[in-house]
Amino acid sequence: MDSEAWDERYRDAVVGAEPARVLLENHHLLPQRGRVLDLACGLGANTLFLAESGLDVTAWDFSVVAIEKLHAAAVSRKLSVTAKVRDVTAQPPEPQSFDVIVVSRFLDRSLVPYLIEALRPGGVIFYQTFMLEAIDKTIGPKNPVFRLAQNELLELFKSLHLLCYREEGQAGDVSQGFRNEAMLVAEKCSTP
């Protein structure tokens, strides 16, 4: 999708969705202070949650509309957030520039090496996105290129120290649990 399509998607959307489960269930792994990037932030539910936690948050998205709405929400809540329109594929984050990176419901495999490099030593990535093996295929992208294969998220971030991983697929009682997506929290080691 181009930026106009994303703008149209966000035009009537309301800010206020709940943050990604990877953050909600693992917020205890966030540092008390640090510089955070919410990559492909959309309307910024993760951004606002992180800013309310006292972190220095930068939020990037392709959509002008999403960034404008996020900025307005941050101002109304008296939160300090740096929200910018940015094509993250064309302009990935700079090396060793963030203590935390959050990616939710976005997948561009070519960015993974840049994300790992953008983490400072001891930095943590929180990642959650859609799976090919989904119970409800109406949720998430239609194009399978933007969905993860089994254990793919583990493979993409295998150079990092795994702190948390969850991918339930179609195992057990599919009416319960964390389905349709995978989540990972991983840390960049302080020493090579």
N, C-alpha and C. Protein backbone atom coordinates (compact mmCIF):
# COMPACT_ATOMS: atom_id res chain seq x y z
N MET A 1 0.85 -1.20 0.00
CA MET A 1 0.00 0.00 0.00
C MET A 1 0.88 1.24 0.00
N ASP A 2 0.42 2.27 -0.68
CA ASP A 2 1.14 3.53 -0.67
C ASP A 2 0.65 4.40 0.48
N SER A 3 1.31 5.56 0.65
CA SER A 3 0.97 6.41 1.80
C SER A 3 -0.47 6.93 1.74
N GLU A 4 -1.00 7.16 0.54
CA GLU A 4 -2.38 7.63 0.43
C GLU A 4 -3.36 6.57 0.91
N ALA A 5 -3.09 5.31 0.61
CA ALA A 5 -3.96 4.23 1.06
C ALA A 5 -3.93 4.13 2.59
N TRP A 6 -2.74 4.27 3.19
CA TRP A 6 -2.64 4.23 4.65
C TRP A 6 -3.33 5.45 5.25
N ASP A 7 -3.18 6.62 4.63
CA ASP A 7 -3.88 7.81 5.13
C ASP A 7 -5.38 7.58 5.14
N GLU A 8 -5.90 7.01 4.07
CA GLU A 8 -7.34 6.74 3.98
C GLU A 8 -7.77 5.75 5.06
N ARG A 9 -6.95 4.76 5.30
CA ARG A 9 -7.26 3.76 6.32
C ARG A 9 -7.37 4.38 7.71
N TYR A 10 -6.50 5.35 8.00
CA TYR A 10 -6.47 5.97 9.33
C TYR A 10 -7.39 7.17 9.46
N ARG A 11 -7.90 7.69 8.35
CA ARG A 11 -8.68 8.94 8.38
C ARG A 11 -9.85 8.88 9.37
N ASP A 12 -10.61 7.81 9.38
CA ASP A 12 -11.77 7.71 10.27
C ASP A 12 -11.50 6.87 11.51
N ALA A 13 -10.29 6.38 11.63
CA ALA A 13 -9.93 5.56 12.80
C ALA A 13 -9.75 6.44 14.03
N VAL A 14 -10.02 5.86 15.18
CA VAL A 14 -9.93 6.58 16.44
C VAL A 14 -8.70 6.13 17.21
N VAL A 15 -7.94 7.10 17.72
CA VAL A 15 -6.79 6.78 18.57
C VAL A 15 -7.33 6.24 19.88
N GLY A 16 -6.68 5.24 20.42
CA GLY A 16 -7.11 4.73 21.71
C GLY A 16 -7.12 3.22 21.81
N ALA A 17 -6.69 2.55 20.78
CA ALA A 17 -6.62 1.09 20.85
C ALA A 17 -5.65 0.68 21.95
N GLU A 18 -5.77 -0.55 22.37
CA GLU A 18 -4.88 -1.09 23.39
C GLU A 18 -3.51 -1.36 22.78
N PRO A 19 -2.46 -1.19 23.56
CA PRO A 19 -1.12 -1.53 23.06
C PRO A 19 -1.02 -3.01 22.70
N ALA A 20 -0.01 -3.35 21.96
CA ALA A 20 0.23 -4.74 21.57
C ALA A 20 0.41 -5.62 22.80
N ARG A 21 -0.05 -6.84 22.70
CA ARG A 21 0.07 -7.78 23.83
C ARG A 21 1.52 -8.02 24.22
N VAL A 22 2.42 -7.98 23.25
CA VAL A 22 3.83 -8.19 23.57
C VAL A 22 4.31 -7.16 24.59
N LEU A 23 3.78 -5.94 24.51
CA LEU A 23 4.13 -4.91 25.49
C LEU A 23 3.36 -5.10 26.79
N LEU A 24 2.07 -5.34 26.69
CA LEU A 24 1.25 -5.48 27.90
C LEU A 24 1.72 -6.64 28.77
N GLU A 25 2.04 -7.76 28.14
CA GLU A 25 2.43 -8.94 28.90
C GLU A 25 3.88 -8.93 29.35
N ASN A 26 4.68 -8.05 28.77
CA ASN A 26 6.12 -8.05 29.07
C ASN A 26 6.66 -6.67 29.42
N HIS A 27 5.78 -5.78 29.87
CA HIS A 27 6.21 -4.42 30.19
C HIS A 27 7.28 -4.39 31.28
N HIS A 28 7.32 -5.42 32.10
CA HIS A 28 8.33 -5.50 33.15
C HIS A 28 9.75 -5.64 32.58
N LEU A 29 9.88 -5.94 31.30
CA LEU A 29 11.19 -6.04 30.65
C LEU A 29 11.67 -4.72 30.05
N LEU A 30 10.83 -3.69 30.15
CA LEU A 30 11.23 -2.35 29.68
C LEU A 30 12.21 -1.73 30.66
N PRO A 31 13.17 -0.97 30.16
CA PRO A 31 14.05 -0.24 31.08
C PRO A 31 13.28 0.90 31.75
N GLN A 32 13.81 1.40 32.85
CA GLN A 32 13.16 2.53 33.53
C GLN A 32 13.36 3.82 32.74
N ARG A 33 14.47 3.90 32.03
CA ARG A 33 14.78 5.08 31.21
C ARG A 33 15.34 4.58 29.89
N GLY A 34 15.24 5.42 28.88
CA GLY A 34 15.86 5.05 27.62
C GLY A 34 15.13 5.64 26.43
N ARG A 35 15.77 5.49 25.31
CA ARG A 35 15.25 5.99 24.04
C ARG A 35 14.57 4.83 23.31
N VAL A 36 13.31 5.04 22.94
CA VAL A 36 12.48 4.00 22.34
C VAL A 36 12.03 4.41 20.95
N LEU A 37 12.01 3.44 20.03
CA LEU A 37 11.45 3.64 18.70
C LEU A 37 10.22 2.75 18.55
N ASP A 38 9.09 3.36 18.21
CA ASP A 38 7.90 2.62 17.82
C ASP A 38 7.85 2.70 16.30
N LEU A 39 8.28 1.62 15.65
CA LEU A 39 8.43 1.57 14.20
C LEU A 39 7.12 1.18 13.55
N ALA A 40 6.71 1.91 12.52
CA ALA A 40 5.42 1.69 11.86
C ALA A 40 4.31 1.76 12.91
N CYS A 41 4.28 2.89 13.60
CA CYS A 41 3.47 3.06 14.81
C CYS A 41 1.97 3.15 14.59
N GLY A 42 1.53 3.41 13.37
CA GLY A 42 0.10 3.58 13.15
C GLY A 42 -0.42 4.72 14.01
N LEU A 43 -1.55 4.52 14.67
CA LEU A 43 -2.15 5.56 15.50
C LEU A 43 -1.50 5.70 16.87
N GLY A 44 -0.52 4.85 17.16
CA GLY A 44 0.34 5.08 18.31
C GLY A 44 -0.10 4.55 19.66
N ALA A 45 -0.88 3.49 19.70
CA ALA A 45 -1.25 2.92 21.01
C ALA A 45 0.00 2.51 21.79
N ASN A 46 0.97 1.90 21.10
CA ASN A 46 2.22 1.52 21.76
C ASN A 46 3.00 2.75 22.19
N THR A 47 3.05 3.75 21.34
CA THR A 47 3.77 4.99 21.62
C THR A 47 3.25 5.64 22.90
N LEU A 48 1.95 5.78 23.00
CA LEU A 48 1.35 6.45 24.15
C LEU A 48 1.59 5.64 25.43
N PHE A 49 1.48 4.32 25.34
CA PHE A 49 1.75 3.44 26.48
C PHE A 49 3.19 3.62 26.95
N LEU A 50 4.12 3.64 26.02
CA LEU A 50 5.54 3.78 26.35
C LEU A 50 5.85 5.16 26.93
N ALA A 51 5.25 6.20 26.37
CA ALA A 51 5.47 7.56 26.88
C ALA A 51 4.89 7.70 28.28
N GLU A 52 3.74 7.07 28.53
CA GLU A 52 3.16 7.11 29.87
C GLU A 52 4.02 6.36 30.87
N SER A 53 4.87 5.47 30.38
CA SER A 53 5.81 4.74 31.25
C SER A 53 7.06 5.56 31.54
N GLY A 54 7.13 6.78 30.98
CA GLY A 54 8.26 7.67 31.25
C GLY A 54 9.44 7.52 30.32
N LEU A 55 9.25 6.80 29.21
CA LEU A 55 10.35 6.61 28.26
C LEU A 55 10.34 7.72 27.21
N ASP A 56 11.50 7.96 26.62
CA ASP A 56 11.68 8.95 25.56
C ASP A 56 11.34 8.27 24.23
N VAL A 57 10.13 8.55 23.71
CA VAL A 57 9.61 7.78 22.58
C VAL A 57 9.64 8.56 21.27
N THR A 58 10.17 7.89 20.25
CA THR A 58 10.12 8.35 18.87
C THR A 58 9.21 7.40 18.12
N ALA A 59 8.27 7.95 17.34
CA ALA A 59 7.33 7.12 16.60
C ALA A 59 7.40 7.49 15.12
N TRP A 60 7.54 6.46 14.29
CA TRP A 60 7.60 6.67 12.84
C TRP A 60 6.49 5.90 12.16
N ASP A 61 5.89 6.54 11.16
CA ASP A 61 4.92 5.85 10.31
C ASP A 61 4.91 6.51 8.94
N PHE A 62 4.46 5.76 7.98
CA PHE A 62 4.36 6.17 6.58
C PHE A 62 3.20 7.13 6.36
N SER A 63 2.20 7.10 7.24
CA SER A 63 0.97 7.84 7.07
C SER A 63 1.00 9.20 7.78
N VAL A 64 0.78 10.25 7.00
CA VAL A 64 0.68 11.61 7.56
C VAL A 64 -0.50 11.69 8.52
N VAL A 65 -1.62 11.10 8.15
CA VAL A 65 -2.82 11.14 8.97
C VAL A 65 -2.57 10.47 10.33
N ALA A 66 -1.95 9.31 10.31
CA ALA A 66 -1.67 8.60 11.57
C ALA A 66 -0.77 9.44 12.47
N ILE A 67 0.27 10.03 11.91
CA ILE A 67 1.20 10.83 12.72
C ILE A 67 0.52 12.08 13.26
N GLU A 68 -0.32 12.71 12.47
CA GLU A 68 -1.05 13.90 12.96
C GLU A 68 -1.98 13.52 14.12
N LYS A 69 -2.68 12.41 14.00
CA LYS A 69 -3.59 11.96 15.07
C LYS A 69 -2.80 11.57 16.32
N LEU A 70 -1.68 10.90 16.13
CA LEU A 70 -0.84 10.53 17.26
C LEU A 70 -0.31 11.77 17.97
N HIS A 71 0.17 12.73 17.20
CA HIS A 71 0.68 13.97 17.80
C HIS A 71 -0.41 14.66 18.63
N ALA A 72 -1.61 14.75 18.08
CA ALA A 72 -2.72 15.38 18.81
C ALA A 72 -3.04 14.63 20.09
N ALA A 73 -3.04 13.31 20.03
CA ALA A 73 -3.32 12.50 21.23
C ALA A 73 -2.24 12.70 22.29
N ALA A 74 -0.99 12.76 21.87
CA ALA A 74 0.12 12.97 22.81
C ALA A 74 0.01 14.33 23.48
N VAL A 75 -0.31 15.35 22.69
CA VAL A 75 -0.46 16.71 23.24
C VAL A 75 -1.62 16.74 24.24
N SER A 76 -2.74 16.13 23.89
CA SER A 76 -3.90 16.16 24.80
C SER A 76 -3.62 15.42 26.10
N ARG A 77 -2.73 14.46 26.08
CA ARG A 77 -2.37 13.71 27.29
C ARG A 77 -1.12 14.29 27.98
N LYS A 78 -0.62 15.38 27.41
CA LYS A 78 0.58 16.04 27.95
C LYS A 78 1.79 15.10 27.98
N LEU A 79 1.94 14.35 26.89
CA LEU A 79 3.06 13.42 26.77
C LEU A 79 4.06 13.95 25.75
N SER A 80 5.31 13.77 26.04
CA SER A 80 6.36 14.18 25.12
C SER A 80 6.69 13.00 24.19
N VAL A 81 6.31 13.17 22.93
CA VAL A 81 6.52 12.14 21.91
C VAL A 81 7.07 12.83 20.66
N THR A 82 8.07 12.23 20.05
CA THR A 82 8.55 12.71 18.76
C THR A 82 7.95 11.83 17.69
N ALA A 83 6.95 12.34 16.98
CA ALA A 83 6.25 11.57 15.95
C ALA A 83 6.59 12.14 14.58
N LYS A 84 7.07 11.27 13.70
CA LYS A 84 7.52 11.72 12.37
C LYS A 84 6.99 10.82 11.28
N VAL A 85 6.67 11.43 10.15
CA VAL A 85 6.35 10.66 8.95
C VAL A 85 7.69 10.19 8.39
N ARG A 86 7.79 8.88 8.22
CA ARG A 86 9.06 8.33 7.73
C ARG A 86 8.80 6.98 7.06
N ASP A 87 9.36 6.83 5.89
CA ASP A 87 9.33 5.55 5.19
C ASP A 87 10.47 4.72 5.78
N VAL A 88 10.11 3.82 6.69
CA VAL A 88 11.13 3.08 7.44
C VAL A 88 11.92 2.11 6.55
N THR A 89 11.35 1.72 5.44
CA THR A 89 12.06 0.84 4.53
C THR A 89 13.17 1.61 3.81
N ALA A 90 12.86 2.83 3.40
CA ALA A 90 13.86 3.67 2.72
C ALA A 90 14.84 4.30 3.71
N GLN A 91 14.38 4.54 4.94
CA GLN A 91 15.19 5.18 5.97
C GLN A 91 15.12 4.39 7.27
N PRO A 92 15.83 3.28 7.35
CA PRO A 92 15.82 2.52 8.60
C PRO A 92 16.53 3.29 9.72
N PRO A 93 16.38 2.85 10.95
CA PRO A 93 17.04 3.55 12.05
C PRO A 93 18.57 3.43 11.97
N GLU A 94 19.23 4.41 12.54
CA GLU A 94 20.69 4.45 12.54
C GLU A 94 21.24 3.44 13.55
N PRO A 95 22.48 2.98 13.35
CA PRO A 95 23.09 2.02 14.27
C PRO A 95 23.17 2.57 15.70
N GLN A 96 22.94 1.68 16.65
CA GLN A 96 23.04 1.95 18.09
C GLN A 96 22.35 3.25 18.51
N SER A 97 21.12 3.42 18.04
CA SER A 97 20.40 4.65 18.34
C SER A 97 19.24 4.50 19.32
N PHE A 98 18.87 3.24 19.66
CA PHE A 98 17.72 3.05 20.55
C PHE A 98 18.00 1.98 21.60
N ASP A 99 17.38 2.19 22.79
CA ASP A 99 17.44 1.21 23.87
C ASP A 99 16.33 0.17 23.74
N VAL A 100 15.24 0.57 23.11
CA VAL A 100 14.09 -0.31 22.89
C VAL A 100 13.54 -0.02 21.50
N ILE A 101 13.19 -1.08 20.79
CA ILE A 101 12.47 -0.94 19.53
C ILE A 101 11.22 -1.80 19.63
N VAL A 102 10.09 -1.21 19.24
CA VAL A 102 8.81 -1.91 19.25
C VAL A 102 8.29 -1.97 17.82
N VAL A 103 7.92 -3.17 17.39
CA VAL A 103 7.31 -3.35 16.07
C VAL A 103 6.07 -4.21 16.28
N SER A 104 4.93 -3.69 15.86
CA SER A 104 3.71 -4.44 16.04
C SER A 104 2.87 -4.40 14.77
N ARG A 105 2.53 -5.59 14.30
CA ARG A 105 1.69 -5.77 13.12
C ARG A 105 2.28 -5.10 11.87
N PHE A 106 3.56 -5.30 11.70
CA PHE A 106 4.30 -4.82 10.53
C PHE A 106 5.41 -5.82 10.27
N LEU A 107 5.63 -6.14 9.00
CA LEU A 107 6.68 -7.08 8.66
C LEU A 107 7.37 -6.67 7.37
N ASP A 108 8.65 -6.35 7.49
CA ASP A 108 9.54 -6.16 6.35
C ASP A 108 10.84 -6.84 6.74
N ARG A 109 11.02 -8.04 6.26
CA ARG A 109 12.16 -8.85 6.65
C ARG A 109 13.50 -8.17 6.36
N SER A 110 13.55 -7.35 5.32
CA SER A 110 14.81 -6.68 4.96
C SER A 110 15.25 -5.67 6.03
N LEU A 111 14.33 -5.27 6.90
CA LEU A 111 14.67 -4.31 7.96
C LEU A 111 15.31 -4.95 9.19
N VAL A 112 15.16 -6.25 9.35
CA VAL A 112 15.60 -6.92 10.56
C VAL A 112 17.08 -6.65 10.88
N PRO A 113 18.01 -6.78 9.94
CA PRO A 113 19.41 -6.48 10.29
C PRO A 113 19.60 -5.03 10.76
N TYR A 114 18.84 -4.11 10.20
CA TYR A 114 18.92 -2.70 10.62
C TYR A 114 18.37 -2.52 12.04
N LEU A 115 17.31 -3.24 12.35
CA LEU A 115 16.73 -3.16 13.69
C LEU A 115 17.69 -3.69 14.73
N ILE A 116 18.31 -4.81 14.44
CA ILE A 116 19.30 -5.37 15.36
C ILE A 116 20.46 -4.41 15.54
N GLU A 117 20.93 -3.84 14.45
CA GLU A 117 22.06 -2.89 14.50
C GLU A 117 21.66 -1.60 15.23
N ALA A 118 20.39 -1.22 15.14
CA ALA A 118 19.92 0.02 15.77
C ALA A 118 19.81 -0.08 17.28
N LEU A 119 19.77 -1.30 17.80
CA LEU A 119 19.72 -1.48 19.26
C LEU A 119 21.08 -1.18 19.86
N ARG A 120 21.06 -0.44 20.95
CA ARG A 120 22.29 -0.23 21.72
C ARG A 120 22.60 -1.53 22.49
N PRO A 121 23.84 -1.73 22.92
CA PRO A 121 24.13 -2.91 23.73
C PRO A 121 23.20 -2.96 24.95
N GLY A 122 22.61 -4.12 25.18
CA GLY A 122 21.63 -4.26 26.25
C GLY A 122 20.23 -3.85 25.84
N GLY A 123 20.08 -3.36 24.60
CA GLY A 123 18.78 -2.94 24.10
C GLY A 123 17.85 -4.12 23.86
N VAL A 124 16.54 -3.83 23.86
CA VAL A 124 15.53 -4.88 23.76
C VAL A 124 14.57 -4.57 22.63
N ILE A 125 14.23 -5.61 21.87
CA ILE A 125 13.20 -5.47 20.84
C ILE A 125 11.95 -6.21 21.28
N PHE A 126 10.80 -5.57 21.09
CA PHE A 126 9.49 -6.16 21.33
C PHE A 126 8.83 -6.26 19.97
N TYR A 127 8.53 -7.46 19.50
CA TYR A 127 8.02 -7.65 18.14
C TYR A 127 6.79 -8.55 18.18
N GLN A 128 5.75 -8.12 17.49
CA GLN A 128 4.53 -8.92 17.39
C GLN A 128 3.92 -8.70 16.02
N THR A 129 3.65 -9.80 15.30
CA THR A 129 2.98 -9.66 14.01
C THR A 129 2.27 -10.94 13.61
N PHE A 130 1.61 -10.89 12.48
CA PHE A 130 0.72 -11.94 12.02
C PHE A 130 1.45 -13.17 11.49
N MET A 131 0.78 -14.32 11.64
CA MET A 131 1.30 -15.62 11.21
C MET A 131 0.54 -16.13 9.99
N LEU A 132 1.23 -16.93 9.19
CA LEU A 132 0.56 -17.66 8.11
C LEU A 132 -0.44 -18.65 8.70
N GLU A 133 -0.01 -19.34 9.74
CA GLU A 133 -0.85 -20.34 10.40
C GLU A 133 -1.78 -19.61 11.38
N ALA A 134 -2.86 -19.09 10.83
CA ALA A 134 -3.78 -18.29 11.63
C ALA A 134 -5.12 -19.02 11.77
N ILE A 135 -5.75 -18.82 12.90
CA ILE A 135 -7.09 -19.37 13.13
C ILE A 135 -8.10 -18.52 12.39
N ASP A 136 -7.94 -17.21 12.48
CA ASP A 136 -8.86 -16.27 11.82
C ASP A 136 -8.09 -15.53 10.72
N LYS A 137 -8.28 -15.96 9.49
CA LYS A 137 -7.53 -15.39 8.36
C LYS A 137 -8.12 -14.05 7.89
N THR A 138 -9.23 -13.61 8.51
CA THR A 138 -9.78 -12.31 8.14
C THR A 138 -9.05 -11.17 8.85
N ILE A 139 -8.26 -11.51 9.86
CA ILE A 139 -7.50 -10.52 10.61
C ILE A 139 -6.10 -10.45 10.02
N GLY A 140 -5.64 -9.24 9.75
CA GLY A 140 -4.28 -9.08 9.25
C GLY A 140 -4.21 -9.03 7.73
N PRO A 141 -2.99 -8.96 7.23
CA PRO A 141 -2.80 -8.79 5.78
C PRO A 141 -3.26 -10.00 4.98
N LYS A 142 -3.80 -9.72 3.80
CA LYS A 142 -4.24 -10.79 2.89
C LYS A 142 -3.03 -11.41 2.19
N ASN A 143 -2.01 -10.60 1.92
CA ASN A 143 -0.82 -11.06 1.21
C ASN A 143 0.04 -11.89 2.15
N PRO A 144 0.29 -13.16 1.83
CA PRO A 144 1.08 -14.02 2.72
C PRO A 144 2.53 -13.56 2.91
N VAL A 145 3.02 -12.71 2.04
CA VAL A 145 4.37 -12.17 2.19
C VAL A 145 4.51 -11.40 3.49
N PHE A 146 3.40 -10.84 3.97
CA PHE A 146 3.43 -10.04 5.19
C PHE A 146 3.00 -10.82 6.43
N ARG A 147 3.14 -12.14 6.34
CA ARG A 147 2.82 -13.03 7.47
C ARG A 147 4.02 -13.94 7.72
N LEU A 148 4.24 -14.26 8.98
CA LEU A 148 5.36 -15.09 9.38
C LEU A 148 5.07 -16.58 9.22
N ALA A 149 6.09 -17.33 8.83
CA ALA A 149 6.02 -18.79 8.88
C ALA A 149 6.28 -19.25 10.31
N GLN A 150 6.07 -20.53 10.58
CA GLN A 150 6.34 -21.06 11.92
C GLN A 150 7.80 -20.82 12.30
N ASN A 151 8.00 -20.33 13.49
CA ASN A 151 9.32 -20.06 14.08
C ASN A 151 10.16 -19.05 13.30
N GLU A 152 9.59 -18.38 12.34
CA GLU A 152 10.36 -17.43 11.54
C GLU A 152 10.87 -16.25 12.36
N LEU A 153 10.06 -15.76 13.28
CA LEU A 153 10.48 -14.64 14.11
C LEU A 153 11.70 -15.02 14.95
N LEU A 154 11.71 -16.25 15.45
CA LEU A 154 12.89 -16.74 16.18
C LEU A 154 14.13 -16.74 15.29
N GLU A 155 13.96 -17.19 14.07
CA GLU A 155 15.08 -17.26 13.13
C GLU A 155 15.58 -15.87 12.76
N LEU A 156 14.66 -14.95 12.52
CA LEU A 156 15.05 -13.58 12.13
C LEU A 156 15.90 -12.90 13.19
N PHE A 157 15.61 -13.18 14.47
CA PHE A 157 16.31 -12.50 15.57
C PHE A 157 17.21 -13.46 16.35
N LYS A 158 17.71 -14.50 15.70
CA LYS A 158 18.50 -15.52 16.40
C LYS A 158 19.81 -15.00 16.96
N SER A 159 20.29 -13.86 16.48
CA SER A 159 21.55 -13.31 17.01
C SER A 159 21.35 -12.60 18.36
N LEU A 160 20.09 -12.42 18.76
CA LEU A 160 19.78 -11.77 20.03
C LEU A 160 19.49 -12.81 21.11
N HIS A 161 19.58 -12.38 22.36
CA HIS A 161 19.27 -13.24 23.51
C HIS A 161 17.75 -13.24 23.71
N LEU A 162 17.14 -14.40 23.56
CA LEU A 162 15.70 -14.53 23.67
C LEU A 162 15.24 -14.37 25.12
N LEU A 163 14.30 -13.47 25.35
CA LEU A 163 13.71 -13.27 26.67
C LEU A 163 12.31 -13.86 26.75
N CYS A 164 11.58 -13.78 25.64
CA CYS A 164 10.21 -14.27 25.61
C CYS A 164 9.82 -14.58 24.18
N TYR A 165 9.11 -15.69 23.99
CA TYR A 165 8.58 -16.00 22.66
C TYR A 165 7.26 -16.71 22.82
N ARG A 166 6.31 -16.35 21.97
CA ARG A 166 5.01 -17.00 22.01
C ARG A 166 4.45 -17.11 20.60
N GLU A 167 4.10 -18.32 20.24
CA GLU A 167 3.51 -18.62 18.94
C GLU A 167 2.72 -19.90 19.13
N GLU A 168 1.40 -19.80 19.20
CA GLU A 168 0.58 -20.96 19.53
C GLU A 168 -0.01 -21.65 18.33
N GLY A 169 -0.05 -20.96 17.19
CA GLY A 169 -0.56 -21.58 15.98
C GLY A 169 -1.91 -22.23 16.17
N GLN A 170 -1.99 -23.51 15.78
CA GLN A 170 -3.26 -24.23 15.86
C GLN A 170 -3.22 -25.36 16.89
N ALA A 171 -2.28 -25.28 17.82
CA ALA A 171 -2.15 -26.32 18.85
C ALA A 171 -3.25 -26.19 19.91
N GLY A 172 -3.72 -27.34 20.38
CA GLY A 172 -4.65 -27.35 21.50
C GLY A 172 -6.00 -26.74 21.19
N ASP A 173 -6.61 -26.15 22.21
CA ASP A 173 -7.93 -25.53 22.11
C ASP A 173 -7.78 -24.16 21.45
N VAL A 174 -8.12 -24.08 20.17
CA VAL A 174 -7.89 -22.85 19.41
C VAL A 174 -8.86 -21.73 19.77
N SER A 175 -9.83 -22.02 20.64
CA SER A 175 -10.74 -20.97 21.09
C SER A 175 -10.13 -20.15 22.22
N GLN A 176 -8.94 -20.56 22.68
CA GLN A 176 -8.27 -19.86 23.77
C GLN A 176 -6.84 -19.53 23.36
N GLY A 177 -6.24 -18.63 24.14
CA GLY A 177 -4.81 -18.35 23.98
C GLY A 177 -4.50 -17.20 23.04
N PHE A 178 -3.26 -17.18 22.63
CA PHE A 178 -2.73 -16.13 21.76
C PHE A 178 -2.62 -16.71 20.36
N ARG A 179 -3.54 -16.40 19.49
CA ARG A 179 -3.62 -17.00 18.16
C ARG A 179 -3.40 -15.94 17.08
N ASN A 180 -3.12 -16.38 15.90
CA ASN A 180 -3.00 -15.55 14.70
C ASN A 180 -1.70 -14.74 14.61
N GLU A 181 -0.97 -14.59 15.70
CA GLU A 181 0.24 -13.79 15.71
C GLU A 181 1.35 -14.49 16.49
N ALA A 182 2.55 -13.98 16.33
CA ALA A 182 3.69 -14.42 17.14
C ALA A 182 4.24 -13.20 17.85
N MET A 183 4.83 -13.41 19.03
CA MET A 183 5.47 -12.31 19.75
C MET A 183 6.84 -12.74 20.23
N LEU A 184 7.75 -11.79 20.25
CA LEU A 184 9.12 -12.03 20.67
C LEU A 184 9.62 -10.83 21.45
N VAL A 185 10.36 -11.09 22.51
CA VAL A 185 11.13 -10.06 23.20
C VAL A 185 12.54 -10.61 23.27
N ALA A 186 13.51 -9.83 22.78
CA ALA A 186 14.88 -10.29 22.73
C ALA A 186 15.83 -9.13 23.00
N GLU A 187 16.98 -9.46 23.57
CA GLU A 187 17.96 -8.46 24.02
C GLU A 187 19.26 -8.58 23.24
N LYS A 188 19.82 -7.43 22.90
CA LYS A 188 21.13 -7.40 22.26
C LYS A 188 22.19 -7.49 23.37
N CYS A 189 23.04 -8.46 23.29
CA CYS A 189 24.04 -8.65 24.33
C CYS A 189 24.94 -7.43 24.45
N SER A 190 25.33 -7.15 25.69
CA SER A 190 26.18 -5.98 25.96
C SER A 190 27.59 -6.18 25.44
N THR A 191 28.04 -7.42 25.38
CA THR A 191 29.39 -7.70 24.88
C THR A 191 29.30 -8.59 23.66
N PRO A 192 30.19 -8.39 22.68
CA PRO A 192 30.12 -9.19 21.46
C PRO A 192 30.40 -10.66 21.69
